[in-house]
Amino acid sequence: MGCGTGAVALAAAASLGGGAVVTATDRESRSLALATANAAWNGLEVRLSPLDYATDEAVAAFAARHGLTAPSPSTVECNTPLHNVTSGTPPSTSSSAPR
């Protein structure tokens, strides 16, 4: 359930084109750091937050705090190529970085 490198959240953000806020969670700080780097590298805005999935109550409380609801059963298609750092240090986010 964690966001990992953020690939799914980034695909959602890219396909929505800034029309909605995408929230991604993970209990591992390293995963959140990689997802943050990937969002910056791709020029996308994704709200990232730590969340321990230990109990349904923790997930429900998180959702209530952030005004989240269960997603509708629709399909989001993303044809935008995304860069994804899977480990280590992400490449420079300067304008000279290859895209």
PDB file of N, CA and C in Angstrom:
ATOM      1  N   MET A   1       0.799  -1.201   0.000  1.00  0.00           N
ATOM      2  CA  MET A   1       0.000   0.000   0.000  1.00  0.00           C
ATOM      3  C   MET A   1       0.844   1.269   0.000  1.00  0.00           C
ATOM      4  N   GLY A   2       2.140   1.176   0.286  1.00  0.00           N
ATOM      5  CA  GLY A   2       2.976   2.371   0.312  1.00  0.00           C
ATOM      6  C   GLY A   2       3.234   2.905  -1.076  1.00  0.00           C
ATOM      7  N   CYS A   3       3.651   4.180  -1.147  1.00  0.00           N
ATOM      8  CA  CYS A   3       3.878   4.821  -2.439  1.00  0.00           C
ATOM      9  C   CYS A   3       5.177   4.386  -3.079  1.00  0.00           C
ATOM     10  N   GLY A   4       6.102   3.831  -2.300  1.00  0.00           N
ATOM     11  CA  GLY A   4       7.374   3.406  -2.878  1.00  0.00           C
ATOM     12  C   GLY A   4       8.094   4.577  -3.519  1.00  0.00           C
ATOM     13  N   THR A   5       8.445   4.447  -4.783  1.00  0.00           N
ATOM     14  CA  THR A   5       9.151   5.520  -5.488  1.00  0.00           C
ATOM     15  C   THR A   5       8.214   6.601  -5.986  1.00  0.00           C
ATOM     16  N   GLY A   6       6.917   6.397  -5.841  1.00  0.00           N
ATOM     17  CA  GLY A   6       5.939   7.400  -6.242  1.00  0.00           C
ATOM     18  C   GLY A   6       5.426   7.253  -7.653  1.00  0.00           C
ATOM     19  N   ALA A   7       5.802   6.186  -8.351  1.00  0.00           N
ATOM     20  CA  ALA A   7       5.453   6.032  -9.767  1.00  0.00           C
ATOM     21  C   ALA A   7       3.949   6.138 -10.026  1.00  0.00           C
ATOM     22  N   VAL A   8       3.134   5.472  -9.220  1.00  0.00           N
ATOM     23  CA  VAL A   8       1.683   5.508  -9.445  1.00  0.00           C
ATOM     24  C   VAL A   8       1.131   6.902  -9.160  1.00  0.00           C
ATOM     25  N   ALA A   9       1.591   7.517  -8.070  1.00  0.00           N
ATOM     26  CA  ALA A   9       1.142   8.873  -7.739  1.00  0.00           C
ATOM     27  C   ALA A   9       1.563   9.868  -8.816  1.00  0.00           C
ATOM     28  N   LEU A  10       2.776   9.706  -9.350  1.00  0.00           N
ATOM     29  CA  LEU A  10       3.247  10.600 -10.407  1.00  0.00           C
ATOM     30  C   LEU A  10       2.436  10.419 -11.679  1.00  0.00           C
ATOM     31  N   ALA A  11       2.107   9.184 -12.010  1.00  0.00           N
ATOM     32  CA  ALA A  11       1.275   8.939 -13.189  1.00  0.00           C
ATOM     33  C   ALA A  11      -0.093   9.585 -13.024  1.00  0.00           C
ATOM     34  N   ALA A  12      -0.662   9.478 -11.821  1.00  0.00           N
ATOM     35  CA  ALA A  12      -1.952  10.114 -11.557  1.00  0.00           C
ATOM     36  C   ALA A  12      -1.848  11.631 -11.671  1.00  0.00           C
ATOM     37  N   ALA A  13      -0.798  12.208 -11.075  1.00  0.00           N
ATOM     38  CA  ALA A  13      -0.611  13.657 -11.134  1.00  0.00           C
ATOM     39  C   ALA A  13      -0.410  14.131 -12.570  1.00  0.00           C
ATOM     40  N   ALA A  14       0.359  13.388 -13.354  1.00  0.00           N
ATOM     41  CA  ALA A  14       0.604  13.760 -14.750  1.00  0.00           C
ATOM     42  C   ALA A  14      -0.677  13.693 -15.566  1.00  0.00           C
ATOM     43  N   SER A  15      -1.482  12.669 -15.335  1.00  0.00           N
ATOM     44  CA  SER A  15      -2.702  12.511 -16.124  1.00  0.00           C
ATOM     45  C   SER A  15      -3.768  13.530 -15.738  1.00  0.00           C
ATOM     46  N   LEU A  16      -3.748  13.991 -14.480  1.00  0.00           N
ATOM     47  CA  LEU A  16      -4.726  14.976 -14.034  1.00  0.00           C
ATOM     48  C   LEU A  16      -4.325  16.398 -14.412  1.00  0.00           C
ATOM     49  N   GLY A  17      -3.067  16.585 -14.762  1.00  0.00           N
ATOM     50  CA  GLY A  17      -2.613  17.885 -15.231  1.00  0.00           C
ATOM     51  C   GLY A  17      -2.821  19.023 -14.257  1.00  0.00           C
ATOM     52  N   GLY A  18      -2.680  18.788 -12.979  1.00  0.00           N
ATOM     53  CA  GLY A  18      -2.842  19.845 -11.991  1.00  0.00           C
ATOM     54  C   GLY A  18      -4.285  20.112 -11.602  1.00  0.00           C
ATOM     55  N   GLY A  19      -5.207  19.297 -12.109  1.00  0.00           N
ATOM     56  CA  GLY A  19      -6.610  19.504 -11.815  1.00  0.00           C
ATOM     57  C   GLY A  19      -7.053  18.971 -10.470  1.00  0.00           C
ATOM     58  N   ALA A  20      -6.193  18.236  -9.781  1.00  0.00           N
ATOM     59  CA  ALA A  20      -6.540  17.672  -8.484  1.00  0.00           C
ATOM     60  C   ALA A  20      -5.262  17.455  -7.688  1.00  0.00           C
ATOM     61  N   VAL A  21      -5.417  17.308  -6.390  1.00  0.00           N
ATOM     62  CA  VAL A  21      -4.274  17.032  -5.530  1.00  0.00           C
ATOM     63  C   VAL A  21      -4.141  15.523  -5.386  1.00  0.00           C
ATOM     64  N   VAL A  22      -2.959  15.009  -5.658  1.00  0.00           N
ATOM     65  CA  VAL A  22      -2.686  13.587  -5.499  1.00  0.00           C
ATOM     66  C   VAL A  22      -1.951  13.410  -4.177  1.00  0.00           C
ATOM     67  N   THR A  23      -2.459  12.534  -3.322  1.00  0.00           N
ATOM     68  CA  THR A  23      -1.830  12.249  -2.035  1.00  0.00           C
ATOM     69  C   THR A  23      -1.257  10.841  -2.065  1.00  0.00           C
ATOM     70  N   ALA A  24       0.005  10.716  -1.673  1.00  0.00           N
ATOM     71  CA  ALA A  24       0.663   9.414  -1.610  1.00  0.00           C
ATOM     72  C   ALA A  24       1.231   9.238  -0.205  1.00  0.00           C
ATOM     73  N   THR A  25       1.173   8.031   0.300  1.00  0.00           N
ATOM     74  CA  THR A  25       1.641   7.765   1.663  1.00  0.00           C
ATOM     75  C   THR A  25       2.585   6.569   1.681  1.00  0.00           C
ATOM     76  N   ASP A  26       3.405   6.531   2.702  1.00  0.00           N
ATOM     77  CA  ASP A  26       4.268   5.383   2.950  1.00  0.00           C
ATOM     78  C   ASP A  26       4.710   5.458   4.405  1.00  0.00           C
ATOM     79  N   ARG A  27       5.036   4.321   4.983  1.00  0.00           N
ATOM     80  CA  ARG A  27       5.526   4.347   6.361  1.00  0.00           C
ATOM     81  C   ARG A  27       7.039   4.477   6.413  1.00  0.00           C
ATOM     82  N   GLU A  28       7.709   4.300   5.279  1.00  0.00           N
ATOM     83  CA  GLU A  28       9.164   4.372   5.216  1.00  0.00           C
ATOM     84  C   GLU A  28       9.617   5.749   4.747  1.00  0.00           C
ATOM     85  N   SER A  29      10.464   6.409   5.542  1.00  0.00           N
ATOM     86  CA  SER A  29      10.933   7.748   5.178  1.00  0.00           C
ATOM     87  C   SER A  29      11.756   7.723   3.890  1.00  0.00           C
ATOM     88  N   ARG A  30      12.493   6.640   3.651  1.00  0.00           N
ATOM     89  CA  ARG A  30      13.281   6.542   2.420  1.00  0.00           C
ATOM     90  C   ARG A  30      12.375   6.538   1.186  1.00  0.00           C
ATOM     91  N   SER A  31      11.282   5.844   1.259  1.00  0.00           N
ATOM     92  CA  SER A  31      10.338   5.832   0.142  1.00  0.00           C
ATOM     93  C   SER A  31       9.760   7.213  -0.097  1.00  0.00           C
ATOM     94  N   LEU A  32       9.407   7.903   0.977  1.00  0.00           N
ATOM     95  CA  LEU A  32       8.880   9.264   0.835  1.00  0.00           C
ATOM     96  C   LEU A  32       9.918  10.197   0.224  1.00  0.00           C
ATOM     97  N   ALA A  33      11.191  10.012   0.600  1.00  0.00           N
ATOM     98  CA  ALA A  33      12.260  10.835   0.038  1.00  0.00           C
ATOM     99  C   ALA A  33      12.429  10.563  -1.462  1.00  0.00           C
ATOM    100  N   LEU A  34      12.387   9.293  -1.861  1.00  0.00           N
ATOM    101  CA  LEU A  34      12.496   8.961  -3.284  1.00  0.00           C
ATOM    102  C   LEU A  34      11.301   9.495  -4.073  1.00  0.00           C
ATOM    103  N   ALA A  35      10.111   9.365  -3.511  1.00  0.00           N
ATOM    104  CA  ALA A  35       8.919   9.872  -4.195  1.00  0.00           C
ATOM    105  C   ALA A  35       8.985  11.392  -4.331  1.00  0.00           C
ATOM    106  N   THR A  36       9.493  12.075  -3.306  1.00  0.00           N
ATOM    107  CA  THR A  36       9.650  13.530  -3.360  1.00  0.00           C
ATOM    108  C   THR A  36      10.636  13.904  -4.463  1.00  0.00           C
ATOM    109  N   ALA A  37      11.761  13.192  -4.531  1.00  0.00           N
ATOM    110  CA  ALA A  37      12.765  13.463  -5.570  1.00  0.00           C
ATOM    111  C   ALA A  37      12.198  13.207  -6.961  1.00  0.00           C
ATOM    112  N   ASN A  38      11.442  12.129  -7.106  1.00  0.00           N
ATOM    113  CA  ASN A  38      10.861  11.817  -8.409  1.00  0.00           C
ATOM    114  C   ASN A  38       9.828  12.857  -8.827  1.00  0.00           C
ATOM    115  N   ALA A  39       9.037  13.335  -7.876  1.00  0.00           N
ATOM    116  CA  ALA A  39       8.056  14.381  -8.189  1.00  0.00           C
ATOM    117  C   ALA A  39       8.771  15.651  -8.656  1.00  0.00           C
ATOM    118  N   ALA A  40       9.823  16.043  -7.940  1.00  0.00           N
ATOM    119  CA  ALA A  40      10.574  17.245  -8.322  1.00  0.00           C
ATOM    120  C   ALA A  40      11.223  17.064  -9.687  1.00  0.00           C
ATOM    121  N   TRP A  41      11.819  15.914  -9.925  1.00  0.00           N
ATOM    122  CA  TRP A  41      12.505  15.632 -11.185  1.00  0.00           C
ATOM    123  C   TRP A  41      11.541  15.716 -12.369  1.00  0.00           C
ATOM    124  N   ASN A  42      10.296  15.307 -12.126  1.00  0.00           N
ATOM    125  CA  ASN A  42       9.291  15.318 -13.186  1.00  0.00           C
ATOM    126  C   ASN A  42       8.467  16.598 -13.212  1.00  0.00           C
ATOM    127  N   GLY A  43       8.754  17.518 -12.291  1.00  0.00           N
ATOM    128  CA  GLY A  43       8.008  18.776 -12.252  1.00  0.00           C
ATOM    129  C   GLY A  43       6.550  18.598 -11.892  1.00  0.00           C
ATOM    130  N   LEU A  44       6.262  17.626 -11.026  1.00  0.00           N
ATOM    131  CA  LEU A  44       4.883  17.331 -10.637  1.00  0.00           C
ATOM    132  C   LEU A  44       4.684  17.617  -9.156  1.00  0.00           C
ATOM    133  N   GLU A  45       3.476  17.966  -8.811  1.00  0.00           N
ATOM    134  CA  GLU A  45       3.157  18.215  -7.404  1.00  0.00           C
ATOM    135  C   GLU A  45       2.351  17.046  -6.857  1.00  0.00           C
ATOM    136  N   VAL A  46       2.907  16.409  -5.846  1.00  0.00           N
ATOM    137  CA  VAL A  46       2.241  15.299  -5.162  1.00  0.00           C
ATOM    138  C   VAL A  46       2.373  15.538  -3.666  1.00  0.00           C
ATOM    139  N   ARG A  47       1.272  15.442  -2.947  1.00  0.00           N
ATOM    140  CA  ARG A  47       1.311  15.580  -1.495  1.00  0.00           C
ATOM    141  C   ARG A  47       1.736  14.232  -0.916  1.00  0.00           C
ATOM    142  N   LEU A  48       2.872  14.236  -0.208  1.00  0.00           N
ATOM    143  CA  LEU A  48       3.405  12.999   0.382  1.00  0.00           C
ATOM    144  C   LEU A  48       3.322  13.083   1.895  1.00  0.00           C
ATOM    145  N   SER A  49       2.949  11.983   2.510  1.00  0.00           N
ATOM    146  CA  SER A  49       2.761  11.997   3.951  1.00  0.00           C
ATOM    147  C   SER A  49       3.083  10.623   4.542  1.00  0.00           C
ATOM    148  N   PRO A  50       3.716  10.612   5.717  1.00  0.00           N
ATOM    149  CA  PRO A  50       3.944   9.320   6.374  1.00  0.00           C
ATOM    150  C   PRO A  50       2.634   8.746   6.904  1.00  0.00           C
ATOM    151  N   LEU A  51       2.489   7.448   6.800  1.00  0.00           N
ATOM    152  CA  LEU A  51       1.304   6.780   7.333  1.00  0.00           C
ATOM    153  C   LEU A  51       1.656   5.337   7.626  1.00  0.00           C
ATOM    154  N   ASP A  52       1.394   4.910   8.857  1.00  0.00           N
ATOM    155  CA  ASP A  52       1.586   3.521   9.240  1.00  0.00           C
ATOM    156  C   ASP A  52       0.255   2.804   9.038  1.00  0.00           C
ATOM    157  N   TYR A  53       0.266   1.773   8.217  1.00  0.00           N
ATOM    158  CA  TYR A  53      -0.964   1.064   7.863  1.00  0.00           C
ATOM    159  C   TYR A  53      -1.333  -0.034   8.853  1.00  0.00           C
ATOM    160  N   ALA A  54      -0.869   0.085  10.090  1.00  0.00           N
ATOM    161  CA  ALA A  54      -1.044  -0.987  11.069  1.00  0.00           C
ATOM    162  C   ALA A  54      -2.515  -1.281  11.370  1.00  0.00           C
ATOM    163  N   THR A  55      -3.348  -0.253  11.375  1.00  0.00           N
ATOM    164  CA  THR A  55      -4.753  -0.480  11.705  1.00  0.00           C
ATOM    165  C   THR A  55      -5.670   0.274  10.754  1.00  0.00           C
ATOM    166  N   ASP A  56      -6.858  -0.241  10.586  1.00  0.00           N
ATOM    167  CA  ASP A  56      -7.853   0.456   9.773  1.00  0.00           C
ATOM    168  C   ASP A  56      -8.186   1.818  10.376  1.00  0.00           C
ATOM    169  N   GLU A  57      -8.125   1.903  11.707  1.00  0.00           N
ATOM    170  CA  GLU A  57      -8.437   3.166  12.381  1.00  0.00           C
ATOM    171  C   GLU A  57      -7.412   4.237  12.023  1.00  0.00           C
ATOM    172  N   ALA A  58      -6.138   3.856  11.932  1.00  0.00           N
ATOM    173  CA  ALA A  58      -5.090   4.819  11.556  1.00  0.00           C
ATOM    174  C   ALA A  58      -5.325   5.334  10.144  1.00  0.00           C
ATOM    175  N   VAL A  59      -5.702   4.444   9.246  1.00  0.00           N
ATOM    176  CA  VAL A  59      -5.970   4.846   7.863  1.00  0.00           C
ATOM    177  C   VAL A  59      -7.209   5.735   7.809  1.00  0.00           C
ATOM    178  N   ALA A  60      -8.263   5.371   8.527  1.00  0.00           N
ATOM    179  CA  ALA A  60      -9.492   6.169   8.547  1.00  0.00           C
ATOM    180  C   ALA A  60      -9.230   7.555   9.131  1.00  0.00           C
ATOM    181  N   ALA A  61      -8.446   7.626  10.199  1.00  0.00           N
ATOM    182  CA  ALA A  61      -8.129   8.917  10.812  1.00  0.00           C
ATOM    183  C   ALA A  61      -7.324   9.794   9.847  1.00  0.00           C
ATOM    184  N   PHE A  62      -6.360   9.185   9.145  1.00  0.00           N
ATOM    185  CA  PHE A  62      -5.577   9.927   8.157  1.00  0.00           C
ATOM    186  C   PHE A  62      -6.491  10.485   7.068  1.00  0.00           C
ATOM    187  N   ALA A  63      -7.366   9.636   6.546  1.00  0.00           N
ATOM    188  CA  ALA A  63      -8.281  10.060   5.487  1.00  0.00           C
ATOM    189  C   ALA A  63      -9.173  11.208   5.956  1.00  0.00           C
ATOM    190  N   ALA A  64      -9.683  11.108   7.174  1.00  0.00           N
ATOM    191  CA  ALA A  64     -10.544  12.167   7.704  1.00  0.00           C
ATOM    192  C   ALA A  64      -9.777  13.480   7.861  1.00  0.00           C
ATOM    193  N   ARG A  65      -8.531  13.418   8.352  1.00  0.00           N
ATOM    194  CA  ARG A  65      -7.715  14.634   8.528  1.00  0.00           C
ATOM    195  C   ARG A  65      -7.436  15.336   7.209  1.00  0.00           C
ATOM    196  N   HIS A  66      -7.310  14.564   6.144  1.00  0.00           N
ATOM    197  CA  HIS A  66      -6.940  15.135   4.855  1.00  0.00           C
ATOM    198  C   HIS A  66      -8.115  15.251   3.886  1.00  0.00           C
ATOM    199  N   GLY A  67      -9.311  14.984   4.360  1.00  0.00           N
ATOM    200  CA  GLY A  67     -10.490  15.113   3.514  1.00  0.00           C
ATOM    201  C   GLY A  67     -10.507  14.144   2.346  1.00  0.00           C
ATOM    202  N   LEU A  68      -9.974  12.951   2.564  1.00  0.00           N
ATOM    203  CA  LEU A  68      -9.891  11.957   1.500  1.00  0.00           C
ATOM    204  C   LEU A  68     -11.065  10.993   1.554  1.00  0.00           C
ATOM    205  N   THR A  69     -11.422  10.501   0.396  1.00  0.00           N
ATOM    206  CA  THR A  69     -12.445   9.462   0.304  1.00  0.00           C
ATOM    207  C   THR A  69     -11.884   8.330  -0.554  1.00  0.00           C
ATOM    208  N   ALA A  70     -12.567   7.222  -0.538  1.00  0.00           N
ATOM    209  CA  ALA A  70     -12.136   6.094  -1.370  1.00  0.00           C
ATOM    210  C   ALA A  70     -12.264   6.480  -2.830  1.00  0.00           C
ATOM    211  N   PRO A  71     -11.301   6.087  -3.658  1.00  0.00           N
ATOM    212  CA  PRO A  71     -11.368   6.442  -5.079  1.00  0.00           C
ATOM    213  C   PRO A  71     -12.535   5.763  -5.769  1.00  0.00           C
ATOM    214  N   SER A  72     -13.067   6.421  -6.790  1.00  0.00           N
ATOM    215  CA  SER A  72     -14.136   5.809  -7.569  1.00  0.00           C
ATOM    216  C   SER A  72     -13.521   4.744  -8.470  1.00  0.00           C
ATOM    217  N   PRO A  73     -14.304   3.779  -8.857  1.00  0.00           N
ATOM    218  CA  PRO A  73     -13.757   2.687  -9.679  1.00  0.00           C
ATOM    219  C   PRO A  73     -13.592   3.099 -11.143  1.00  0.00           C
ATOM    220  N   SER A  74     -12.850   4.164 -11.383  1.00  0.00           N
ATOM    221  CA  SER A  74     -12.598   4.590 -12.759  1.00  0.00           C
ATOM    222  C   SER A  74     -11.146   4.309 -13.108  1.00  0.00           C
ATOM    223  N   THR A  75     -10.862   4.302 -14.359  1.00  0.00           N
ATOM    224  CA  THR A  75      -9.503   4.029 -14.815  1.00  0.00           C
ATOM    225  C   THR A  75      -8.858   5.339 -15.232  1.00  0.00           C
ATOM    226  N   VAL A  76      -7.645   5.570 -14.741  1.00  0.00           N
ATOM    227  CA  VAL A  76      -6.874   6.737 -15.146  1.00  0.00           C
ATOM    228  C   VAL A  76      -5.771   6.250 -16.065  1.00  0.00           C
ATOM    229  N   GLU A  77      -5.719   6.826 -17.252  1.00  0.00           N
ATOM    230  CA  GLU A  77      -4.697   6.420 -18.214  1.00  0.00           C
ATOM    231  C   GLU A  77      -3.638   7.500 -18.309  1.00  0.00           C
ATOM    232  N   CYS A  78      -2.387   7.118 -18.265  1.00  0.00           N
ATOM    233  CA  CYS A  78      -1.286   8.072 -18.358  1.00  0.00           C
ATOM    234  C   CYS A  78      -0.357   7.653 -19.485  1.00  0.00           C
ATOM    235  N   ASN A  79      -0.227   8.528 -20.460  1.00  0.00           N
ATOM    236  CA  ASN A  79       0.680   8.260 -21.570  1.00  0.00           C
ATOM    237  C   ASN A  79       1.906   9.150 -21.506  1.00  0.00           C
ATOM    238  N   THR A  80       2.126   9.790 -20.353  1.00  0.00           N
ATOM    239  CA  THR A  80       3.257  10.676 -20.176  1.00  0.00           C
ATOM    240  C   THR A  80       4.448   9.884 -19.677  1.00  0.00           C
ATOM    241  N   PRO A  81       5.588   9.919 -20.390  1.00  0.00           N
ATOM    242  CA  PRO A  81       6.770   9.212 -19.881  1.00  0.00           C
ATOM    243  C   PRO A  81       7.300   9.904 -18.632  1.00  0.00           C
ATOM    244  N   LEU A  82       7.598   9.129 -17.616  1.00  0.00           N
ATOM    245  CA  LEU A  82       8.074   9.677 -16.347  1.00  0.00           C
ATOM    246  C   LEU A  82       9.448   9.135 -16.022  1.00  0.00           C
ATOM    247  N   HIS A  83      10.258   9.960 -15.363  1.00  0.00           N
ATOM    248  CA  HIS A  83      11.545   9.527 -14.846  1.00  0.00           C
ATOM    249  C   HIS A  83      11.297   8.951 -13.464  1.00  0.00           C
ATOM    250  N   ASN A  84      11.976   7.892 -13.102  1.00  0.00           N
ATOM    251  CA  ASN A  84      11.744   7.266 -11.813  1.00  0.00           C
ATOM    252  C   ASN A  84      13.072   6.805 -11.210  1.00  0.00           C
ATOM    253  N   VAL A  85      13.470   7.458 -10.111  1.00  0.00           N
ATOM    254  CA  VAL A  85      14.665   7.056  -9.388  1.00  0.00           C
ATOM    255  C   VAL A  85      14.271   5.914  -8.470  1.00  0.00           C
ATOM    256  N   THR A  86      14.961   4.786  -8.558  1.00  0.00           N
ATOM    257  CA  THR A  86      14.581   3.648  -7.736  1.00  0.00           C
ATOM    258  C   THR A  86      15.465   3.458  -6.520  1.00  0.00           C
ATOM    259  N   SER A  87      16.651   4.051  -6.515  1.00  0.00           N
ATOM    260  CA  SER A  87      17.517   3.942  -5.354  1.00  0.00           C
ATOM    261  C   SER A  87      18.641   4.953  -5.481  1.00  0.00           C
ATOM    262  N   GLY A  88      19.370   5.120  -4.404  1.00  0.00           N
ATOM    263  CA  GLY A  88      20.527   6.016  -4.447  1.00  0.00           C
ATOM    264  C   GLY A  88      20.126   7.469  -4.493  1.00  0.00           C
ATOM    265  N   THR A  89      21.005   8.287  -5.013  1.00  0.00           N
ATOM    266  CA  THR A  89      20.785   9.717  -5.074  1.00  0.00           C
ATOM    267  C   THR A  89      20.163  10.078  -6.410  1.00  0.00           C
ATOM    268  N   PRO A  90      19.077  10.850  -6.393  1.00  0.00           N
ATOM    269  CA  PRO A  90      18.458  11.229  -7.663  1.00  0.00           C
ATOM    270  C   PRO A  90      19.370  12.159  -8.452  1.00  0.00           C
ATOM    271  N   PRO A  91      19.228  12.139  -9.768  1.00  0.00           N
ATOM    272  CA  PRO A  91      20.033  13.028 -10.578  1.00  0.00           C
ATOM    273  C   PRO A  91      19.711  14.480 -10.264  1.00  0.00           C
ATOM    274  N   SER A  92      20.556  15.371 -10.682  1.00  0.00           N
ATOM    275  CA  SER A  92      20.353  16.796 -10.464  1.00  0.00           C
ATOM    276  C   SER A  92      19.009  17.213 -11.057  1.00  0.00           C
ATOM    277  N   THR A  93      18.326  18.112 -10.368  1.00  0.00           N
ATOM    278  CA  THR A  93      17.062  18.628 -10.875  1.00  0.00           C
ATOM    279  C   THR A  93      17.267  19.943 -11.618  1.00  0.00           C
ATOM    280  N   SER A  94      18.523  20.278 -11.917  1.00  0.00           N
ATOM    281  CA  SER A  94      18.798  21.520 -12.637  1.00  0.00           C
ATOM    282  C   SER A  94      18.269  21.406 -14.062  1.00  0.00           C
ATOM    283  N   SER A  95      18.216  22.541 -14.737  1.00  0.00           N
ATOM    284  CA  SER A  95      17.658  22.556 -16.090  1.00  0.00           C
ATOM    285  C   SER A  95      18.503  21.763 -17.075  1.00  0.00           C
ATOM    286  N   SER A  96      19.748  21.446 -16.721  1.00  0.00           N
ATOM    287  CA  SER A  96      20.601  20.683 -17.615  1.00  0.00           C
ATOM    288  C   SER A  96      20.411  19.171 -17.481  1.00  0.00           C
ATOM    289  N   ALA A  97      19.606  18.746 -16.528  1.00  0.00           N
ATOM    290  CA  ALA A  97      19.367  17.299 -16.354  1.00  0.00           C
ATOM    291  C   ALA A  97      18.612  16.762 -17.543  1.00  0.00           C
ATOM    292  N   PRO A  98      18.999  15.595 -18.049  1.00  0.00           N
ATOM    293  CA  PRO A  98      18.256  15.010 -19.181  1.00  0.00           C
ATOM    294  C   PRO A  98      16.852  14.665 -18.762  1.00  0.00           C
ATOM    295  N   ARG A  99      15.927  14.843 -19.650  1.00  0.00           N
ATOM    296  CA  ARG A  99      14.523  14.561 -19.347  1.00  0.00           C
ATOM    297  C   ARG A  99      14.012  13.517 -20.253  1.00  0.00           C
TER     298      ARG A  99
END
